[in-house]
């Protein structure tokens, strides 16, 4: 039996689970909001927090859909071909991996 199913068998367990998910997802979402103005992966943290919240709360699922549509709209307005967008993302990923490896090499 899965942990989630086992905890949610009783009304008290269901309440505990929703509070736990709310605190965990809310904390990650707040951390992502802080990372939007501080150095860090703000948007990714926001989406991760909303993804956790969406497992229990419908409003979080709707927020994710609005965020995805806004991101798609912004990407479409950029006018860049799809291959350029992929190249930028891949280049950023490679640069991040190289930076981490250099940091840990020392």
Protein backbone atom coordinates (compact mmCIF):
# COMPACT_ATOMS: atom_id res chain seq x y z
CA UNK A 1 0.00 0.00 0.00
CA UNK A 2 1.29 3.44 -0.87
CA UNK A 3 2.05 5.88 1.94
CA UNK A 4 -0.34 8.47 0.54
CA UNK A 5 -3.24 6.01 0.43
CA UNK A 6 -2.44 4.70 3.89
CA UNK A 7 -2.32 8.18 5.46
CA UNK A 8 -5.52 9.33 3.73
CA UNK A 9 -7.60 6.38 5.00
CA UNK A 10 -8.96 8.36 7.96
CA UNK A 11 -10.36 11.92 8.10
CA UNK A 12 -7.52 12.95 10.44
CA UNK A 13 -4.98 11.44 8.07
CA UNK A 14 -6.55 13.27 5.14
CA UNK A 15 -6.33 16.56 7.01
CA UNK A 16 -2.75 15.84 8.03
CA UNK A 17 -1.80 15.01 4.44
CA UNK A 18 -3.37 18.18 3.03
CA UNK A 19 -1.65 20.33 5.67
CA UNK A 20 1.67 18.58 5.01
CA UNK A 21 1.39 19.06 1.24
CA UNK A 22 0.26 22.66 1.76
CA UNK A 23 3.26 23.46 3.97
CA UNK A 24 5.77 21.67 1.73
CA UNK A 25 4.46 23.08 -1.55
CA UNK A 26 3.84 26.52 -0.08
CA UNK A 27 7.34 26.66 1.35
CA UNK A 28 8.91 25.73 -1.97
CA UNK A 29 6.70 28.25 -3.78
CA UNK A 30 7.70 31.03 -1.37
CA UNK A 31 11.36 30.06 -1.78
CA UNK A 32 10.88 30.26 -5.55
CA UNK A 33 9.36 33.73 -5.19
CA UNK A 34 12.40 34.80 -3.18
CA UNK A 35 14.68 33.32 -5.84
CA UNK A 36 12.98 35.46 -8.48
CA UNK A 37 14.74 38.52 -7.03
CA UNK A 38 17.73 36.70 -5.51
CA UNK A 39 20.18 34.53 -7.42
CA UNK A 40 18.65 31.14 -7.97
CA UNK A 41 16.23 29.14 -10.11
CA UNK A 42 13.12 31.18 -9.24
CA UNK A 43 10.73 30.10 -11.98
CA UNK A 44 11.66 26.44 -11.62
CA UNK A 45 11.15 26.56 -7.86
CA UNK A 46 7.78 28.28 -8.31
CA UNK A 47 6.64 25.62 -10.74
CA UNK A 48 7.92 22.83 -8.50
CA UNK A 49 6.04 24.25 -5.52
CA UNK A 50 2.87 24.66 -7.54
CA UNK A 51 3.29 21.12 -8.87
CA UNK A 52 3.43 19.77 -5.33
CA UNK A 53 0.40 21.84 -4.35
CA UNK A 54 -1.49 20.69 -7.45
CA UNK A 55 -1.43 17.10 -6.20
CA UNK A 56 -4.00 18.11 -3.57
CA UNK A 57 -5.41 21.51 -4.53
CA UNK A 58 -7.25 22.28 -7.79
CA UNK A 59 -6.42 26.00 -7.68
CA UNK A 60 -2.71 25.18 -7.93
CA UNK A 61 -3.34 23.13 -11.07
CA UNK A 62 -5.14 26.09 -12.62
CA UNK A 63 -2.24 28.38 -11.64
CA UNK A 64 0.21 26.03 -13.38
CA UNK A 65 -1.89 26.07 -16.55
CA UNK A 66 -1.98 29.90 -16.53
CA UNK A 67 1.78 30.01 -15.98
CA UNK A 68 2.39 27.58 -18.85
CA UNK A 69 0.18 29.59 -21.20
CA UNK A 70 1.93 32.84 -20.24
CA UNK A 71 5.34 31.25 -20.83
CA UNK A 72 4.21 29.87 -24.20
CA UNK A 73 2.84 33.26 -25.19
CA UNK A 74 6.12 34.96 -24.24
CA UNK A 75 8.11 32.34 -26.16
CA UNK A 76 5.91 32.81 -29.21
CA UNK A 77 6.36 36.61 -29.06
CA UNK A 78 10.14 36.25 -29.06
CA UNK A 79 10.04 35.28 -32.73
CA UNK A 80 12.98 32.89 -32.41
CA UNK A 81 12.90 29.63 -34.37
CA UNK A 82 12.39 26.51 -32.29
CA UNK A 83 15.90 25.19 -32.95
CA UNK A 84 17.40 28.42 -31.54
CA UNK A 85 15.33 28.06 -28.36
CA UNK A 86 16.52 24.47 -27.97
CA UNK A 87 20.11 25.57 -28.56
CA UNK A 88 19.85 28.28 -25.89
CA UNK A 89 18.37 25.85 -23.34
CA UNK A 90 20.95 23.16 -24.14
CA UNK A 91 23.78 25.69 -23.97
CA UNK A 92 22.56 26.92 -20.60
CA UNK A 93 22.38 23.37 -19.28
CA UNK A 94 25.88 22.55 -20.50
CA UNK A 95 27.26 25.80 -19.07
CA UNK A 96 25.62 25.03 -15.71
CA UNK A 97 27.09 21.52 -15.62
CA UNK A 98 30.54 22.83 -16.54
CA UNK A 99 30.32 25.52 -13.85
CA UNK A 100 29.37 22.94 -11.20
CA UNK A 101 32.17 20.61 -12.28
CA UNK A 102 34.73 23.44 -12.17
CA UNK A 103 33.47 24.49 -8.75
CA UNK A 104 33.78 20.97 -7.32
CA UNK A 105 37.10 20.29 -9.08
CA UNK A 106 38.85 22.89 -6.91
